[in-house]
C-alpha atoms as a PDB file:
ATOM      1  CA  MET A   1     -33.397  -2.219  12.003  1.00  0.00           C
ATOM      2  CA  ASP A   2     -33.538  -4.619   9.044  1.00  0.00           C
ATOM      3  CA  ALA A   3     -32.684  -1.762   6.687  1.00  0.00           C
ATOM      4  CA  PHE A   4     -29.677  -0.864   8.846  1.00  0.00           C
ATOM      5  CA  GLN A   5     -28.467  -4.478   8.823  1.00  0.00           C
ATOM      6  CA  THR A   6     -28.842  -4.573   5.029  1.00  0.00           C
ATOM      7  CA  VAL A   7     -26.801  -1.391   4.630  1.00  0.00           C
ATOM      8  CA  LEU A   8     -24.183  -2.687   7.080  1.00  0.00           C
ATOM      9  CA  ARG A   9     -23.847  -5.983   5.187  1.00  0.00           C
ATOM     10  CA  PHE A  10     -23.508  -4.091   1.902  1.00  0.00           C
ATOM     11  CA  VAL A  11     -20.771  -1.866   3.336  1.00  0.00           C
ATOM     12  CA  MET A  12     -18.895  -4.863   4.764  1.00  0.00           C
ATOM     13  CA  ASN A  13     -19.144  -6.778   1.478  1.00  0.00           C
ATOM     14  CA  GLN A  14     -18.010  -3.788  -0.566  1.00  0.00           C
ATOM     15  CA  LYS A  15     -15.505  -2.294   1.871  1.00  0.00           C
ATOM     16  CA  ALA A  16     -12.584  -2.856  -0.509  1.00  0.00           C
ATOM     17  CA  THR A  17     -14.396  -1.014  -3.304  1.00  0.00           C
ATOM     18  CA  ILE A  18     -15.445   1.761  -0.924  1.00  0.00           C
ATOM     19  CA  GLY A  19     -11.885   2.031   0.380  1.00  0.00           C
ATOM     20  CA  TYR A  20     -10.411   2.350  -3.108  1.00  0.00           C
ATOM     21  CA  SER A  21     -13.087   4.891  -4.062  1.00  0.00           C
ATOM     22  CA  PHE A  22     -12.253   6.958  -0.988  1.00  0.00           C
ATOM     23  CA  MET A  23      -8.548   6.703  -1.864  1.00  0.00           C
ATOM     24  CA  ALA A  24      -9.293   7.904  -5.402  1.00  0.00           C
ATOM     25  CA  ILE A  25     -11.225  10.913  -4.066  1.00  0.00           C
ATOM     26  CA  LEU A  26      -8.349  11.814  -1.731  1.00  0.00           C
ATOM     27  CA  THR A  27      -5.864  11.440  -4.594  1.00  0.00           C
ATOM     28  CA  ILE A  28      -7.876  13.721  -6.872  1.00  0.00           C
ATOM     29  CA  GLY A  29      -8.283  16.278  -4.099  1.00  0.00           C
ATOM     30  CA  GLY A  30      -4.586  16.149  -3.223  1.00  0.00           C
ATOM     31  CA  GLU A  31      -3.560  16.591  -6.848  1.00  0.00           C
ATOM     32  CA  ARG A  32      -5.826  19.611  -7.259  1.00  0.00           C
ATOM     33  CA  ILE A  33      -4.445  21.204  -4.087  1.00  0.00           C
ATOM     34  CA  PHE A  34      -0.858  20.629  -5.266  1.00  0.00           C
ATOM     35  CA  SER A  35      -1.663  22.092  -8.684  1.00  0.00           C
ATOM     36  CA  MET A  36      -3.425  25.209  -7.432  1.00  0.00           C
ATOM     37  CA  VAL A  37      -1.558  26.027  -4.219  1.00  0.00           C
ATOM     38  CA  SER A  38       2.068  24.891  -4.333  1.00  0.00           C
ATOM     39  CA  PHE A  39       2.929  24.170  -7.983  1.00  0.00           C
ATOM     40  CA  GLN A  40       4.489  27.056  -9.895  1.00  0.00           C
ATOM     41  CA  CYS A  41       6.357  26.005 -13.030  1.00  0.00           C
ATOM     42  CA  PRO A  42       9.604  28.065 -13.234  1.00  0.00           C
ATOM     43  CA  CYS A  43       9.317  28.276 -17.045  1.00  0.00           C
ATOM     44  CA  ASN A  44      13.073  27.910 -17.312  1.00  0.00           C
ATOM     45  CA  ARG A  45      14.619  25.359 -19.656  1.00  0.00           C
ATOM     46  CA  SER A  46      17.196  24.310 -17.051  1.00  0.00           C
ATOM     47  CA  GLN A  47      14.633  23.782 -14.255  1.00  0.00           C
ATOM     48  CA  ASN A  48      11.318  22.831 -15.851  1.00  0.00           C
ATOM     49  CA  PHE A  49      12.105  19.146 -16.297  1.00  0.00           C
ATOM     50  CA  SER A  50      13.384  18.484 -12.762  1.00  0.00           C
ATOM     51  CA  TYR A  51      10.654  20.629 -11.168  1.00  0.00           C
ATOM     52  CA  GLY A  52       7.781  19.036 -13.082  1.00  0.00           C
ATOM     53  CA  LEU A  53       9.162  15.512 -12.627  1.00  0.00           C
ATOM     54  CA  THR A  54       9.545  16.081  -8.883  1.00  0.00           C
ATOM     55  CA  PHE A  55       5.881  17.016  -8.513  1.00  0.00           C
ATOM     56  CA  LEU A  56       4.836  14.145 -10.773  1.00  0.00           C
ATOM     57  CA  LEU A  57       6.893  11.351  -9.179  1.00  0.00           C
ATOM     58  CA  GLY A  58       7.662  12.704  -5.687  1.00  0.00           C
ATOM     59  CA  PRO A  59       4.182  12.156  -4.187  1.00  0.00           C
ATOM     60  CA  ALA A  60       4.005   8.757  -5.913  1.00  0.00           C
ATOM     61  CA  VAL A  61       7.223   7.650  -4.191  1.00  0.00           C
ATOM     62  CA  VAL A  62       5.936   8.918  -0.822  1.00  0.00           C
ATOM     63  CA  LEU A  63       2.626   7.070  -1.301  1.00  0.00           C
ATOM     64  CA  LEU A  64       4.529   3.908  -2.244  1.00  0.00           C
ATOM     65  CA  ALA A  65       6.641   4.143   0.917  1.00  0.00           C
ATOM     66  CA  LEU A  66       3.513   4.718   3.027  1.00  0.00           C
ATOM     67  CA  GLY A  67       1.849   1.739   1.347  1.00  0.00           C
ATOM     68  CA  PHE A  68       4.698  -0.509   2.473  1.00  0.00           C
ATOM     69  CA  PHE A  69       4.894   1.149   5.888  1.00  0.00           C
ATOM     70  CA  PHE A  70       1.218   0.560   6.706  1.00  0.00           C
ATOM     71  CA  SER A  71       1.178  -3.012   5.387  1.00  0.00           C
ATOM     72  CA  THR A  72       0.492  -5.313   8.333  1.00  0.00           C
ATOM     73  CA  ARG A  73       1.263  -8.315   6.153  1.00  0.00           C
ATOM     74  CA  MET A  74       4.773  -7.042   5.389  1.00  0.00           C
ATOM     75  CA  TRP A  75       5.640  -6.384   9.040  1.00  0.00           C
ATOM     76  CA  ARG A  76       4.268  -9.775   9.994  1.00  0.00           C
ATOM     77  CA  LEU A  77       6.679 -11.274   7.471  1.00  0.00           C
ATOM     78  CA  PHE A  78       9.784  -9.216   8.309  1.00  0.00           C
ATOM     79  CA  THR A  79       9.532  -8.713  12.084  1.00  0.00           C
ATOM     80  CA  GLY A  80      12.459 -10.559  13.648  1.00  0.00           C
ATOM     81  CA  CYS A  81      13.810 -11.894  10.340  1.00  0.00           C
ATOM     82  CA  CYS A  82      17.276 -10.394  10.948  1.00  0.00           C
ATOM     83  CA  LEU A  83      17.625 -12.505  14.106  1.00  0.00           C
ATOM     84  CA  ASN A  84      15.945 -15.534  12.563  1.00  0.00           C
ATOM     85  CA  PRO A  85      16.103 -15.534   8.724  1.00  0.00           C
ATOM     86  CA  LEU A  86      14.234 -18.857   8.625  1.00  0.00           C
ATOM     87  CA  LYS A  87      11.052 -16.941   9.496  1.00  0.00           C
ATOM     88  CA  LEU A  88      10.948 -15.760   5.885  1.00  0.00           C
ATOM     89  CA  CYS A  89      10.624 -19.341   4.666  1.00  0.00           C
ATOM     90  CA  PRO A  90       8.672 -21.313   7.290  1.00  0.00           C
ATOM     91  CA  ARG A  91       8.820 -25.059   6.611  1.00  0.00           C
ATOM     92  CA  GLY A  92      11.077 -24.268   3.651  1.00  0.00           C
ATOM     93  CA  ASN A  93       8.229 -22.522   1.818  1.00  0.00           C
ATOM     94  CA  CYS A  94      10.093 -19.662   0.116  1.00  0.00           C
ATOM     95  CA  LEU A  95       7.444 -19.437  -2.610  1.00  0.00           C
ATOM     96  CA  GLY A  96       4.954 -18.374   0.051  1.00  0.00           C
ATOM     97  CA  CYS A  97       7.268 -15.538   1.086  1.00  0.00           C
ATOM     98  CA  THR A  98       7.611 -14.422  -2.536  1.00  0.00           C
ATOM     99  CA  ALA A  99       3.833 -14.522  -3.012  1.00  0.00           C
ATOM    100  CA  VAL A 100       3.306 -12.391   0.093  1.00  0.00           C
ATOM    101  CA  LEU A 101       5.881  -9.842  -1.085  1.00  0.00           C
ATOM    102  CA  LEU A 102       4.150  -9.618  -4.470  1.00  0.00           C
ATOM    103  CA  LYS A 103       0.783  -9.059  -2.777  1.00  0.00           C
ATOM    104  CA  VAL A 104       2.277  -6.396  -0.510  1.00  0.00           C
ATOM    105  CA  ALA A 105       3.911  -4.662  -3.487  1.00  0.00           C
ATOM    106  CA  ALA A 106       0.675  -4.799  -5.490  1.00  0.00           C
ATOM    107  CA  GLY A 107      -1.283  -3.280  -2.617  1.00  0.00           C
ATOM    108  CA  ALA A 108       1.340  -0.581  -2.035  1.00  0.00           C
ATOM    109  CA  CYS A 109       1.293   0.390  -5.733  1.00  0.00           C
ATOM    110  CA  VAL A 110      -2.432   1.217  -5.794  1.00  0.00           C
ATOM    111  CA  ALA A 111      -2.132   4.747  -4.374  1.00  0.00           C
ATOM    112  CA  PRO A 112       0.962   5.736  -6.450  1.00  0.00           C
ATOM    113  CA  VAL A 113      -0.684   4.501  -9.650  1.00  0.00           C
ATOM    114  CA  MET A 114      -3.818   6.496  -8.796  1.00  0.00           C
ATOM    115  CA  TRP A 115      -1.699   9.599  -8.249  1.00  0.00           C
ATOM    116  CA  LEU A 116       0.152   9.178 -11.557  1.00  0.00           C
ATOM    117  CA  CYS A 117      -3.095   8.637 -13.451  1.00  0.00           C
ATOM    118  CA  VAL A 118      -4.803  11.682 -11.946  1.00  0.00           C
ATOM    119  CA  ALA A 119      -1.713  13.886 -12.391  1.00  0.00           C
ATOM    120  CA  LEU A 120      -1.217  12.822 -16.010  1.00  0.00           C
ATOM    121  CA  LEU A 121      -4.891  13.225 -16.894  1.00  0.00           C
ATOM    122  CA  ASN A 122      -4.730  16.763 -15.522  1.00  0.00           C
ATOM    123  CA  GLY A 123      -1.479  17.387 -17.413  1.00  0.00           C
ATOM    124  CA  THR A 124      -0.086  20.324 -15.411  1.00  0.00           C
ATOM    125  CA  PHE A 125       3.057  18.588 -14.117  1.00  0.00           C
ATOM    126  CA  TYR A 126       3.763  16.841 -17.415  1.00  0.00           C
ATOM    127  CA  GLU A 127       3.501  20.095 -19.388  1.00  0.00           C
ATOM    128  CA  CYS A 128       6.124  21.721 -17.197  1.00  0.00           C
ATOM    129  CA  ALA A 129       8.477  18.713 -17.261  1.00  0.00           C
ATOM    130  CA  VAL A 130       8.377  18.064 -21.013  1.00  0.00           C
ATOM    131  CA  SER A 131       8.740  21.725 -21.950  1.00  0.00           C
ATOM    132  CA  GLY A 132      12.123  21.733 -20.201  1.00  0.00           C
ATOM    133  CA  LEU A 133      13.599  18.849 -22.198  1.00  0.00           C
ATOM    134  CA  ASP A 134      16.542  19.919 -24.337  1.00  0.00           C
ATOM    135  CA  ASP A 135      16.651  16.764 -26.411  1.00  0.00           C
ATOM    136  CA  ASN A 136      16.586  17.498 -30.154  1.00  0.00           C
ATOM    137  CA  LEU A 137      14.183  14.637 -30.820  1.00  0.00           C
ATOM    138  CA  VAL A 138      11.620  16.050 -28.373  1.00  0.00           C
ATOM    139  CA  VAL A 139      12.075  19.651 -29.471  1.00  0.00           C
ATOM    140  CA  ASN A 140      11.761  18.693 -33.138  1.00  0.00           C
ATOM    141  CA  LEU A 141       8.569  16.786 -32.348  1.00  0.00           C
ATOM    142  CA  PHE A 142       6.872  19.824 -30.832  1.00  0.00           C
ATOM    143  CA  CYS A 143       8.389  22.543 -33.006  1.00  0.00           C
ATOM    144  CA  LYS A 144       7.965  20.798 -36.341  1.00  0.00           C
ATOM    145  CA  ASN A 145       6.475  23.204 -38.906  1.00  0.00           C
ATOM    146  CA  LYS A 146       6.588  25.999 -36.312  1.00  0.00           C
ATOM    147  CA  THR A 147       8.405  29.324 -36.262  1.00  0.00           C
ATOM    148  CA  LEU A 148      12.125  29.482 -35.393  1.00  0.00           C
ATOM    149  CA  MET A 149      11.216  31.120 -32.077  1.00  0.00           C
ATOM    150  CA  CYS A 150       9.511  27.897 -30.928  1.00  0.00           C
ATOM    151  CA  ARG A 151      12.747  26.301 -29.699  1.00  0.00           C
ATOM    152  CA  ALA A 152      13.684  29.274 -27.544  1.00  0.00           C
ATOM    153  CA  GLU A 153      10.194  29.873 -26.161  1.00  0.00           C
ATOM    154  CA  LEU A 154       9.084  26.261 -25.595  1.00  0.00           C
ATOM    155  CA  ALA A 155       9.917  26.359 -21.869  1.00  0.00           C
ATOM    156  CA  ARG A 156       7.689  29.436 -21.377  1.00  0.00           C
ATOM    157  CA  VAL A 157       4.601  27.891 -22.957  1.00  0.00           C
ATOM    158  CA  PRO A 158       3.186  26.256 -19.740  1.00  0.00           C
ATOM    159  CA  CYS A 159       3.211  29.680 -18.024  1.00  0.00           C
ATOM    160  CA  LYS A 160       1.513  31.342 -21.000  1.00  0.00           C
ATOM    161  CA  ARG A 161       4.300  33.935 -21.059  1.00  0.00           C
ATOM    162  CA  SER A 162       5.923  32.943 -24.340  1.00  0.00           C
ATOM    163  CA  LYS A 163       6.461  35.376 -27.203  1.00  0.00           C
ATOM    164  CA  LEU A 164       4.896  32.921 -29.638  1.00  0.00           C
ATOM    165  CA  PRO A 165       1.644  33.758 -31.420  1.00  0.00           C
ATOM    166  CA  ALA A 166      -1.407  32.875 -29.319  1.00  0.00           C
ATOM    167  CA  ASP A 167      -2.568  30.148 -31.721  1.00  0.00           C
ATOM    168  CA  GLU A 168       0.855  28.500 -31.800  1.00  0.00           C
ATOM    169  CA  SER A 169       1.212  28.653 -28.022  1.00  0.00           C
ATOM    170  CA  MET A 170      -2.241  27.111 -27.524  1.00  0.00           C
ATOM    171  CA  GLU A 171      -1.429  24.375 -30.030  1.00  0.00           C
ATOM    172  CA  LEU A 172       1.711  23.455 -28.076  1.00  0.00           C
ATOM    173  CA  LEU A 173      -0.228  23.404 -24.798  1.00  0.00           C
ATOM    174  CA  LEU A 174      -2.826  21.088 -26.328  1.00  0.00           C
ATOM    175  CA  MET A 175      -0.046  18.801 -27.588  1.00  0.00           C
ATOM    176  CA  PHE A 176       1.481  18.640 -24.105  1.00  0.00           C
ATOM    177  CA  ARG A 177      -1.890  17.900 -22.535  1.00  0.00           C
ATOM    178  CA  ALA A 178      -2.800  15.290 -25.142  1.00  0.00           C
ATOM    179  CA  GLN A 179       0.448  13.394 -24.576  1.00  0.00           C
ATOM    180  CA  SER A 180      -0.007  13.567 -20.812  1.00  0.00           C
ATOM    181  CA  GLN A 181      -3.556  12.230 -20.982  1.00  0.00           C
ATOM    182  CA  ILE A 182      -2.548   9.452 -23.377  1.00  0.00           C
ATOM    183  CA  LEU A 183       0.130   8.343 -20.900  1.00  0.00           C
ATOM    184  CA  GLY A 184      -2.409   8.516 -18.078  1.00  0.00           C
ATOM    185  CA  TRP A 185      -4.895   6.325 -19.928  1.00  0.00           C
ATOM    186  CA  CYS A 186      -2.119   3.888 -20.881  1.00  0.00           C
ATOM    187  CA  ILE A 187      -1.264   3.449 -17.191  1.00  0.00           C
ATOM    188  CA  ILE A 188      -4.957   2.943 -16.351  1.00  0.00           C
ATOM    189  CA  VAL A 189      -5.381   0.320 -19.083  1.00  0.00           C
ATOM    190  CA  VAL A 190      -2.180  -1.532 -18.138  1.00  0.00           C
ATOM    191  CA  ALA A 191      -3.102  -1.481 -14.425  1.00  0.00           C
ATOM    192  CA  ALA A 192      -6.627  -2.742 -15.149  1.00  0.00           C
ATOM    193  CA  ILE A 193      -5.365  -5.569 -17.368  1.00  0.00           C
ATOM    194  CA  ALA A 194      -2.640  -6.502 -14.861  1.00  0.00           C
ATOM    195  CA  GLY A 195      -5.206  -6.560 -12.045  1.00  0.00           C
ATOM    196  CA  LEU A 196      -7.587  -8.729 -14.069  1.00  0.00           C
ATOM    197  CA  VAL A 197      -4.859 -11.158 -15.148  1.00  0.00           C
ATOM    198  CA  GLY A 198      -3.467 -11.358 -11.611  1.00  0.00           C
ATOM    199  CA  THR A 199      -6.902 -12.036 -10.110  1.00  0.00           C
ATOM    200  CA  CYS A 200      -7.686 -14.671 -12.745  1.00  0.00           C
ATOM    201  CA  TYR A 201      -4.332 -16.382 -12.189  1.00  0.00           C
ATOM    202  CA  LYS A 202      -4.765 -16.382  -8.404  1.00  0.00           C
ATOM    203  CA  ASN A 203      -8.275 -17.837  -8.625  1.00  0.00           C
ATOM    204  CA  CYS A 204      -7.265 -20.411 -11.234  1.00  0.00           C
ATOM    205  CA  ARG A 205      -4.438 -21.595  -8.967  1.00  0.00           C
ATOM    206  CA  SER A 206      -6.669 -21.700  -5.884  1.00  0.00           C
ATOM    207  CA  GLN A 207      -6.742 -25.040  -4.055  1.00  0.00           C
ATOM    208  CA  VAL A 208     -10.255 -24.386  -2.752  1.00  0.00           C
ATOM    209  CA  SER A 209     -13.619 -23.672  -4.342  1.00  0.00           C
ATOM    210  CA  TYR A 210     -15.054 -20.177  -4.690  1.00  0.00           C
ATOM    211  CA  LEU A 211     -17.454 -20.591  -1.754  1.00  0.00           C
ATOM    212  CA  GLN A 212     -14.761 -22.024   0.508  1.00  0.00           C
ATOM    213  CA  LEU A 213     -12.453 -19.176  -0.496  1.00  0.00           C
ATOM    214  CA  THR A 214     -15.225 -16.723   0.416  1.00  0.00           C
ATOM    215  CA  PHE A 215     -15.623 -18.437   3.792  1.00  0.00           C
ATOM    216  CA  TRP A 216     -11.847 -18.329   4.307  1.00  0.00           C
ATOM    217  CA  LYS A 217     -11.776 -14.568   3.730  1.00  0.00           C
ATOM    218  CA  ARG A 218     -14.682 -14.055   6.151  1.00  0.00           C
ATOM    219  CA  TYR A 219     -12.941 -16.200   8.762  1.00  0.00           C
ATOM    220  CA  ILE A 220      -9.682 -14.239   8.479  1.00  0.00           C
ATOM    221  CA  GLU A 221     -11.583 -10.961   8.908  1.00  0.00           C
ATOM    222  CA  LYS A 222     -13.420 -12.245  11.980  1.00  0.00           C
ATOM    223  CA  GLU A 223     -10.247 -13.706  13.473  1.00  0.00           C
ATOM    224  CA  LYS A 224      -8.530 -10.322  13.154  1.00  0.00           C
ATOM    225  CA  GLU A 225     -11.480  -8.559  14.770  1.00  0.00           C
ATOM    226  CA  GLN A 226     -11.635 -11.035  17.645  1.00  0.00           C
ATOM    227  CA  PHE A 227      -7.852 -10.960  18.118  1.00  0.00           C
ATOM    228  CA  GLU A 228      -7.966  -7.178  18.524  1.00  0.00           C
ATOM    229  CA  ALA A 229     -10.786  -7.509  21.055  1.00  0.00           C
ATOM    230  CA  PHE A 230      -9.050 -10.289  23.035  1.00  0.00           C
ATOM    231  CA  ALA A 231      -5.680  -8.500  22.902  1.00  0.00           C
ATOM    232  CA  THR A 232      -7.244  -5.322  24.281  1.00  0.00           C
ATOM    233  CA  GLU A 233      -9.085  -7.231  27.015  1.00  0.00           C
ATOM    234  CA  TYR A 234      -6.063  -9.243  28.166  1.00  0.00           C
ATOM    235  CA  ALA A 235      -3.713  -6.265  27.952  1.00  0.00           C
ATOM    236  CA  ASP A 236      -6.133  -4.406  30.220  1.00  0.00           C
ATOM    237  CA  LYS A 237      -6.232  -7.322  32.682  1.00  0.00           C
ATOM    238  CA  LEU A 238      -2.441  -7.670  32.711  1.00  0.00           C
ATOM    239  CA  ALA A 239      -1.941  -3.932  33.233  1.00  0.00           C
ATOM    240  CA  LYS A 240      -4.413  -3.907  36.149  1.00  0.00           C
ATOM    241  CA  ARG A 241      -2.774  -6.982  37.682  1.00  0.00           C
ATOM    242  CA  ASN A 242       0.716  -5.434  37.488  1.00  0.00           C
ATOM    243  CA  LEU A 243      -0.402  -2.052  38.823  1.00  0.00           C
ATOM    244  CA  LYS A 244      -2.315  -3.704  41.654  1.00  0.00           C
ATOM    245  CA  SER A 245       0.795  -5.676  42.619  1.00  0.00           C
ATOM    246  CA  PHE A 246       2.915  -2.520  42.537  1.00  0.00           C
ATOM    247  CA  PHE A 247       0.638  -0.190  44.477  1.00  0.00           C
ATOM    248  CA  GLU A 248      -0.457  -2.800  47.041  1.00  0.00           C
ATOM    249  CA  ASN A 249       3.143  -4.004  47.416  1.00  0.00           C
ATOM    250  CA  CYS A 250       2.237  -7.680  47.099  1.00  0.00           C
ATOM    251  CA  ASP A 251       3.043 -10.643  44.876  1.00  0.00           C
ATOM    252  CA  PRO A 252       1.228 -10.583  41.526  1.00  0.00           C
ATOM    253  CA  GLU A 253      -1.574 -13.016  40.892  1.00  0.00           C
ATOM    254  CA  VAL A 254      -0.929 -15.963  38.587  1.00  0.00           C
ATOM    255  CA  PHE A 255      -1.692 -14.839  35.049  1.00  0.00           C
ATOM    256  CA  PRO A 256      -1.538 -17.580  32.379  1.00  0.00           C
ATOM    257  CA  PHE A 257      -0.098 -16.139  29.214  1.00  0.00           C
ATOM    258  CA  PRO A 258       1.157 -17.647  25.919  1.00  0.00           C
ATOM    259  CA  ASN A 259       4.904 -18.185  25.881  1.00  0.00           C
ATOM    260  CA  HIS A 260       7.291 -16.629  23.379  1.00  0.00           C
ATOM    261  CA  ARG A 261       7.400 -19.712  21.161  1.00  0.00           C
ATOM    262  CA  SER A 262       3.606 -19.740  20.880  1.00  0.00           C
ATOM    263  CA  TRP A 263       3.594 -16.122  19.710  1.00  0.00           C
ATOM    264  CA  GLU A 264       6.239 -16.970  17.124  1.00  0.00           C
ATOM    265  CA  GLU A 265       4.223 -19.900  15.780  1.00  0.00           C
ATOM    266  CA  ILE A 266       0.943 -18.023  15.339  1.00  0.00           C
ATOM    267  CA  SER A 267       2.795 -15.091  13.708  1.00  0.00           C
ATOM    268  CA  ALA A 268       4.259 -17.244  10.940  1.00  0.00           C
ATOM    269  CA  LEU A 269       2.982 -17.168   7.371  1.00  0.00           C
ATOM    270  CA  TYR A 270       0.214 -19.606   6.566  1.00  0.00           C
ATOM    271  CA  THR A 271      -0.241 -21.432   3.279  1.00  0.00           C
ATOM    272  CA  PHE A 272      -3.392 -23.467   2.751  1.00  0.00           C
ATOM    273  CA  SER A 273      -2.901 -27.188   2.270  1.00  0.00           C
ATOM    274  CA  ASN A 274      -5.469 -29.808   1.269  1.00  0.00           C
ATOM    275  CA  SER A 275      -3.950 -32.176   3.828  1.00  0.00           C
ATOM    276  CA  GLU A 276      -4.771 -29.734   6.655  1.00  0.00           C
ATOM    277  CA  GLN A 277      -8.264 -28.337   7.085  1.00  0.00           C
ATOM    278  CA  TYR A 278      -7.064 -25.151   8.754  1.00  0.00           C
ATOM    279  CA  TYR A 279      -7.703 -21.539   7.808  1.00  0.00           C
ATOM    280  CA  SER A 280      -4.919 -19.768   9.714  1.00  0.00           C
ATOM    281  CA  THR A 281      -1.763 -20.351  11.714  1.00  0.00           C
ATOM    282  CA  LEU A 282      -3.781 -19.708  14.875  1.00  0.00           C
ATOM    283  CA  GLN A 283      -6.224 -22.523  14.108  1.00  0.00           C
ATOM    284  CA  ARG A 284      -3.384 -24.868  13.177  1.00  0.00           C
ATOM    285  CA  TYR A 285      -1.644 -24.058  16.460  1.00  0.00           C
ATOM    286  CA  VAL A 286      -4.637 -24.519  18.791  1.00  0.00           C
ATOM    287  CA  GLU A 287      -5.607 -27.836  17.176  1.00  0.00           C
ATOM    288  CA  ARG A 288      -2.133 -29.357  17.455  1.00  0.00           C
ATOM    289  CA  SER A 289      -1.951 -32.479  19.589  1.00  0.00           C
ATOM    290  CA  ASP A 290       1.582 -31.632  20.808  1.00  0.00           C
ATOM    291  CA  ARG A 291       0.716 -28.058  21.734  1.00  0.00           C
ATOM    292  CA  ASP A 292       2.918 -26.421  24.378  1.00  0.00           C
ATOM    293  CA  TYR A 293       0.705 -25.253  27.271  1.00  0.00           C
ATOM    294  CA  SER A 294       3.489 -23.758  29.381  1.00  0.00           C
ATOM    295  CA  SER A 295       2.843 -20.117  30.280  1.00  0.00           C
ATOM    296  CA  GLU A 296       5.066 -17.075  30.162  1.00  0.00           C
ATOM    297  CA  LYS A 297       4.691 -15.935  33.749  1.00  0.00           C
ATOM    298  CA  ARG A 298       7.763 -13.770  34.323  1.00  0.00           C
ATOM    299  CA  PRO A 299       8.770 -11.679  31.313  1.00  0.00           C
ATOM    300  CA  VAL A 300      12.385 -10.542  31.416  1.00  0.00           C
ATOM    301  CA  LEU A 301      13.600  -7.438  29.589  1.00  0.00           C
ATOM    302  CA  ASP A 302      16.282  -8.210  27.027  1.00  0.00           C
ATOM    303  CA  VAL A 303      18.295  -4.965  27.038  1.00  0.00           C
ATOM    304  CA  GLU A 304      20.286  -5.802  23.916  1.00  0.00           C
ATOM    305  CA  HIS A 305      17.290  -6.209  21.622  1.00  0.00           C
ATOM    306  CA  GLY A 306      14.876  -3.947  23.489  1.00  0.00           C
ATOM    307  CA  PHE A 307      11.951  -6.332  23.915  1.00  0.00           C
ATOM    308  CA  GLU A 308      10.603  -8.695  26.526  1.00  0.00           C
ATOM    309  CA  MET A 309      11.331 -12.390  26.364  1.00  0.00           C
ATOM    310  CA  SER A 310      10.693 -15.249  28.746  1.00  0.00           C
END
């Protein structure tokens, strides 16, 4: 049992690292499947560039969109902002909104950057794209000191169907792959340095100590877990209460429930302040002396906006 608890604590402490490792494995597997199953370079000067670039950047754009789509933090920030733009800058704190957007963007960029790195290190998509470029500067770079046939056959090199001598064709392939891998490593180095600098800057600007920051992170995780548990429990109770009232054809029992304004307040962005010893908007709300205890007892459907309001 002690060994299980030790393993569980290790997994919980390293869940971010484990998550990124799992994402990297999926990215590598996805890239290999794309390369072997669906990718077939047309080996045509007019199509190589667009085809290779689509396979190189297309999945990255999709992963970026999914990163934003599955970001709970982004939806917490933007939900309802069209009806109430002030939600983006609670208490006039627009810097907090900007910081959240930067964090969301940084998190959403992890998967696309992984894809680009893996795809460039493999080199298949880059070889196809670059071989289709018709720019004289690029062609001269690859065909320098080569036969005159190099210009005409460059687009066929990735398919190994060119009429060039075998040694010359292999040399061009190695040049393509070398450039692709150099670009891949450049992205890895830049991403690593940017991540290190960003983490250092965030920690240097922190208003709390390292141990308090660690406690804050643990508290936020536990609050999310408990919120999910309480939300499930109370949703179950409310559903049973409503169904009981319907099927037994009687008045529903009194069911105390937070009002709409309370939900709005605990959903707002929270920025730590030394003057307030709170760790979330929920804690700040429940410890307020002027807290509104009125319940939302009869939700009314707002047809125009499609959600329930008191």
